[in-house]
């Protein structure tokens, strides 16, 4: 499944939607504050001619967002997905800025949380590149769980500090509320399945779904089947190569049918 670069993401404090050409004036009204960029490598981005180039590249990237205050619809910033690598199962989040009125943690945390939750439907890790002198943004990355991985040279000169956040390991399903209808799970046949019902009134231990391998219905016991939730990326990987712990090096439809548990 290809990475969806520009969804609309809604939280309690913020809404992120795809950036459009007509957003320039409202976004530049935020970006024209020099203090936003004082620690940024591109510290003159508050200038209109510099920001116009930033905005043009953002539109062309196909992964840029306008960030809006959910309470009053006011434009307060921008962010971007970039560099999706299917083979490495990673994507970058960057080019992020917020109005100083929305600094302080809550808004940045929710924005990153919305972006990360979306990204982890498709990839196993997300990288962030932060200017080596931008100590404020480095501290913000550490607060949301970013792990330093060294530095990378910037195209325009200088270095960026690399932070990575990895997708949480899917927890085993031990209670009906751990798995909701519409979520993905691995059944006792090692098939990725779409959950239809979990914890029915007549049987609180039962989970029902549809196999994404062959379309057959599946019914499993939470207690006895060792179920676990799957991300979209894991389900796609299964579809191509079989279950992660099976010795399969080609898609199941070329290997004589769906693969059962490894011997």
Foldseek 3Di string as FASTA:
>chain_A
DDQQQFDWFDDPFKIKGQDDPVCVVLALVQLLPLVQQCQAPPSVCNDPVNVVVVSVVQNVQNRKIFMATPVPRRTFWIKGWDDCDLVQQEIEIDPTTGRPVPDDQPVVLVVVVRVVVSSQLGGFKYKYWGAPRNVVVVVNCVVNPWDWDAWDADPVGHITTMTMDGDDDWDWQQFQVSDDQQFWKQWLQRFIWGWHHALDPVGNQWTWTAGPFPRHIDIHGSVPTRMTTDRNNQNVVCQAFNHPPAPGDGGQVVVPHHDGDHD
